[in-house]
Amino acid sequence: MEQTTTELTQEYIKDHPSIKSCLKKGLLNYSALSRHIAKELNIEKKTSKEAILIAARRLHESLKKEKNEEQKIKHLLSNSEVEIRNKIIVLILDKNILFEQIEQLQKTIKKESGIFYLLEGSDNYTIITQEKFSSSLEEKLKSKIIKKHHDLALITLKSSKEIEQMVGVLSYLTSLFSENGVNIIEFLSCWTDTLFIINSKDIPKTLSFLKF
C-alpha cells in the first residue's frame, strides 16, 4: 500500500534525529522544512508540499507531549547515582565452550571481589570484567576468545525503583550517547541499575551529558 504524504513526512522526520530534535523544541522554520523534505522525497505538487507543512506542524504538537515526558524522565534521573569504573575489558567467546568453565572463572573473580557480568547471545558469550583478570582469562579460555575490547569504562546509573514503570528511560539515555558521539560497546540493565560500557577516553564527555 502506497504511503501518504503525511506518513512519508513523519517517517522522514523520525529518521533524522537532528530535525526531530529541532522540531520538538520549535526551532525550525516550517516553510523551509517543507521545502527541504519535498526536495528530499522528490515531491513537486504544491498540494503535497502543503500537506508536508501541515504534517510537520501536527508532529510538532505530538513531540511537545513527548518533551513533557522527557522532563519526567530527567527528574527521575536527577536522583540517580552515577558510578564509574575504569580498566574494564570485554571478551566475546565462542559458544562452543563448557558453561561450567565460565562458571568457575566467575567464582574465582568473585572471590577476589571483582566485577563479572555474563551475557549470552545466540552464538556467543560476552564477559565483562576488569583488566587485572585479563591474563588469567586469556590463558584459560585460549582459542575460545573471538574478540577482545580493552581500555574501557563501566558507567552505572543507580536509580529508584520507579524507573521500572517509566516509559522511554532507556530510549532517552541511549539517544544522549548517540547525539554526543559516544559509542556504547555493551549495554545491560539489572532492575534499577543501568550499565553502559564505553571507551575510557569518552568518560569526561559522558559525565557532562549525564548531569540531570
Protein backbone atom coordinates (compact mmCIF):
# COMPACT_ATOMS: atom_id res chain seq x y z
CA MET A 1 0.00 0.00 0.00
CA GLU A 2 1.39 3.40 -1.05
CA GLN A 3 2.22 5.77 1.80
CA THR A 4 0.51 9.15 2.08
CA THR A 5 2.45 12.41 2.08
CA THR A 6 1.73 12.76 5.80
CA GLU A 7 3.12 9.30 6.54
CA LEU A 8 6.21 9.95 4.40
CA THR A 9 6.81 13.26 6.20
CA GLN A 10 6.51 11.78 9.66
CA GLU A 11 8.76 8.89 8.72
CA TYR A 12 11.38 11.23 7.24
CA ILE A 13 11.48 13.43 10.36
CA LYS A 14 11.68 10.46 12.73
CA ASP A 15 14.54 9.02 10.64
CA HIS A 16 16.51 12.28 11.07
CA PRO A 17 17.13 12.83 14.83
CA SER A 18 18.60 16.32 14.39
CA ILE A 19 15.48 17.54 12.57
CA LYS A 20 13.22 15.82 15.07
CA SER A 21 15.07 17.42 17.98
CA CYS A 22 14.80 20.93 16.49
CA LEU A 23 11.13 20.38 15.63
CA LYS A 24 10.43 19.27 19.19
CA LYS A 25 12.00 22.48 20.51
CA GLY A 26 10.20 24.67 17.95
CA LEU A 27 13.46 25.85 16.37
CA LEU A 28 12.55 25.15 12.73
CA ASN A 29 11.00 27.28 10.02
CA TYR A 30 8.12 25.15 8.76
CA SER A 31 8.19 26.52 5.23
CA ALA A 32 11.91 25.85 4.90
CA LEU A 33 11.44 22.40 6.40
CA SER A 34 8.61 21.52 4.00
CA ARG A 35 10.70 22.65 1.00
CA HIS A 36 13.63 20.56 2.23
CA ILE A 37 11.53 17.43 2.74
CA ALA A 38 9.74 17.90 -0.61
CA LYS A 39 13.13 18.07 -2.34
CA GLU A 40 14.46 15.03 -0.45
CA LEU A 41 11.34 13.00 -1.24
CA ASN A 42 11.20 14.31 -4.82
CA ILE A 43 7.72 15.79 -4.36
CA GLU A 44 6.71 18.50 -6.85
CA LYS A 45 2.96 19.05 -6.34
CA LYS A 46 2.02 22.22 -4.48
CA THR A 47 -0.77 20.41 -2.60
CA SER A 48 1.73 17.76 -1.44
CA LYS A 49 4.13 20.45 -0.21
CA GLU A 50 1.28 21.98 1.79
CA ALA A 51 0.50 18.52 3.20
CA ILE A 52 4.13 18.22 4.32
CA LEU A 53 3.91 21.55 6.16
CA ILE A 54 0.66 20.53 7.90
CA ALA A 55 2.11 17.12 8.83
CA ALA A 56 5.20 18.79 10.33
CA ARG A 57 3.06 21.13 12.44
CA ARG A 58 0.97 18.22 13.73
CA LEU A 59 4.07 16.22 14.54
CA HIS A 60 5.42 19.21 16.48
CA GLU A 61 2.33 19.13 18.71
CA SER A 62 2.85 15.40 19.28
CA LEU A 63 6.52 15.93 20.09
CA LYS A 64 5.64 18.63 22.64
CA LYS A 65 3.89 15.91 24.65
CA GLU A 66 6.99 13.76 24.26
CA LYS A 67 9.05 16.66 25.62
CA ASN A 68 6.87 16.73 28.74
CA GLU A 69 7.58 13.03 29.22
CA GLU A 70 11.29 13.79 28.92
CA GLN A 71 11.00 16.22 31.82
CA LYS A 72 9.61 13.42 33.98
CA ILE A 73 12.48 11.15 32.91
CA LYS A 74 15.05 13.86 33.71
CA HIS A 75 13.50 14.34 37.14
CA LEU A 76 13.78 10.62 37.87
CA LEU A 77 17.37 10.50 36.61
CA SER A 78 18.32 13.61 38.61
CA ASN A 79 18.01 11.43 41.71
CA SER A 80 20.15 8.63 40.25
CA GLU A 81 23.71 7.95 41.36
CA VAL A 82 26.45 7.61 38.74
CA GLU A 83 29.28 5.18 39.40
CA ILE A 84 32.38 4.90 37.18
CA ARG A 85 34.82 2.01 36.94
CA ASN A 86 37.77 2.19 34.56
CA LYS A 87 40.18 -0.51 33.37
CA ILE A 88 37.34 -2.70 32.11
CA ILE A 89 37.60 -5.35 29.38
CA VAL A 90 35.01 -7.16 27.26
CA LEU A 91 35.68 -10.67 25.96
CA ILE A 92 33.48 -12.26 23.30
CA LEU A 93 33.66 -16.05 23.41
CA ASP A 94 32.72 -18.81 21.04
CA LYS A 95 29.62 -20.50 22.44
CA ASN A 96 31.24 -23.87 21.86
CA ILE A 97 32.62 -23.85 25.38
CA LEU A 98 31.61 -25.65 28.56
CA PHE A 99 29.45 -23.35 30.67
CA GLU A 100 30.95 -24.92 33.80
CA GLN A 101 34.29 -23.47 32.72
CA ILE A 102 32.83 -19.94 32.61
CA GLU A 103 31.06 -20.54 35.92
CA GLN A 104 34.34 -21.49 37.56
CA LEU A 105 36.01 -18.34 36.24
CA GLN A 106 33.15 -16.28 37.62
CA LYS A 107 33.57 -17.85 41.08
CA THR A 108 37.31 -17.15 41.04
CA ILE A 109 36.83 -13.48 40.10
CA LYS A 110 34.01 -13.00 42.61
CA LYS A 111 36.23 -14.41 45.38
CA GLU A 112 38.58 -11.52 44.69
CA SER A 113 35.63 -9.08 44.81
CA GLY A 114 35.97 -8.49 41.09
CA ILE A 115 33.39 -7.38 38.53
CA PHE A 116 31.93 -10.13 36.38
CA TYR A 117 28.95 -9.84 34.03
CA LEU A 118 27.97 -12.56 31.59
CA LEU A 119 25.72 -12.03 28.56
CA GLU A 120 24.50 -14.92 26.44
CA GLY A 121 23.95 -14.36 22.72
CA SER A 122 22.66 -16.72 20.06
CA ASP A 123 26.18 -17.90 19.15
CA ASN A 124 28.47 -16.33 21.74
CA TYR A 125 29.06 -15.42 25.37
CA THR A 126 30.19 -11.93 26.36
CA ILE A 127 32.16 -11.44 29.57
CA ILE A 128 32.57 -8.01 31.16
CA THR A 129 35.24 -7.81 33.84
CA GLN A 130 38.40 -5.93 34.91
CA GLU A 131 41.71 -5.72 33.12
CA LYS A 132 43.57 -7.22 36.07
CA PHE A 133 41.94 -10.58 35.26
CA SER A 134 42.80 -10.35 31.55
CA SER A 135 45.93 -12.55 31.53
CA SER A 136 44.28 -15.28 33.58
CA LEU A 137 41.17 -15.34 31.40
CA GLU A 138 43.12 -15.36 28.13
CA GLU A 139 45.28 -18.22 29.39
CA LYS A 140 42.30 -20.36 30.42
CA LEU A 141 39.98 -19.54 27.53
CA LYS A 142 42.68 -19.56 24.85
CA SER A 143 41.17 -20.26 21.40
CA LYS A 144 37.60 -19.58 22.56
CA ILE A 145 38.11 -15.80 22.50
CA ILE A 146 36.66 -14.32 19.31
CA LYS A 147 37.25 -10.68 20.15
CA LYS A 148 38.58 -8.54 22.98
CA HIS A 149 37.86 -4.90 23.84
CA HIS A 150 40.15 -3.18 26.35
CA ASP A 151 40.71 0.28 27.85
CA LEU A 152 37.01 0.57 28.62
CA ALA A 153 34.92 2.12 31.38
CA LEU A 154 31.77 0.91 33.11
CA ILE A 155 29.20 3.64 33.77
CA THR A 156 26.45 2.55 36.18
CA LEU A 157 23.32 4.60 36.84
CA LYS A 158 21.67 3.57 40.09
CA SER A 159 18.06 4.74 40.02
CA SER A 160 14.97 4.40 42.18
CA LYS A 161 12.55 1.52 41.60
CA GLU A 162 10.22 3.93 39.74
CA ILE A 163 12.43 3.50 36.67
CA GLU A 164 10.77 0.14 36.08
CA GLN A 165 7.41 1.81 35.41
CA MET A 166 8.57 4.85 33.42
CA VAL A 167 8.30 4.50 29.65
CA GLY A 168 11.16 5.77 27.48
CA VAL A 169 14.02 5.98 30.00
CA LEU A 170 16.37 3.66 28.13
CA SER A 171 15.49 5.25 24.80
CA TYR A 172 16.24 8.69 26.23
CA LEU A 173 19.57 7.59 27.72
CA THR A 174 20.82 5.85 24.58
CA SER A 175 19.85 8.90 22.49
CA LEU A 176 22.11 11.05 24.69
CA PHE A 177 25.07 8.80 23.93
CA SER A 178 24.28 8.86 20.21
CA GLU A 179 23.76 12.63 20.00
CA ASN A 180 27.08 13.23 21.78
CA GLY A 181 29.03 10.80 19.61
CA VAL A 182 29.78 8.27 22.35
CA ASN A 183 29.73 4.66 21.22
CA ILE A 184 28.15 2.12 23.57
CA ILE A 185 30.31 -1.01 23.43
CA GLU A 186 27.93 -3.04 25.62
CA PHE A 187 24.74 -2.27 27.50
CA LEU A 188 22.76 -4.10 30.17
CA SER A 189 20.05 -3.42 32.70
CA CYS A 190 19.74 -5.02 36.13
CA TRP A 191 16.44 -3.77 37.59
CA THR A 192 17.31 -0.32 38.98
CA ASP A 193 20.88 -0.38 37.65
CA THR A 194 21.55 0.69 34.06
CA LEU A 195 25.05 -0.14 32.82
CA PHE A 196 26.95 1.23 29.83
CA ILE A 197 30.38 0.07 28.63
CA ILE A 198 32.21 2.82 26.75
CA ASN A 199 35.76 3.75 25.75
CA SER A 200 37.69 5.28 28.65
CA LYS A 201 38.50 8.37 26.59
CA ASP A 202 34.78 9.19 26.49
CA ILE A 203 34.36 9.40 30.30
CA PRO A 204 34.57 13.23 30.55
CA LYS A 205 32.09 13.75 27.71
CA THR A 206 29.71 11.15 29.14
CA LEU A 207 29.73 12.72 32.58
CA SER A 208 28.90 16.09 31.04
CA PHE A 209 25.63 14.89 29.48
CA LEU A 210 24.64 12.65 32.38
CA LYS A 211 24.25 15.69 34.64
CA PHE A 212 20.49 15.98 35.07
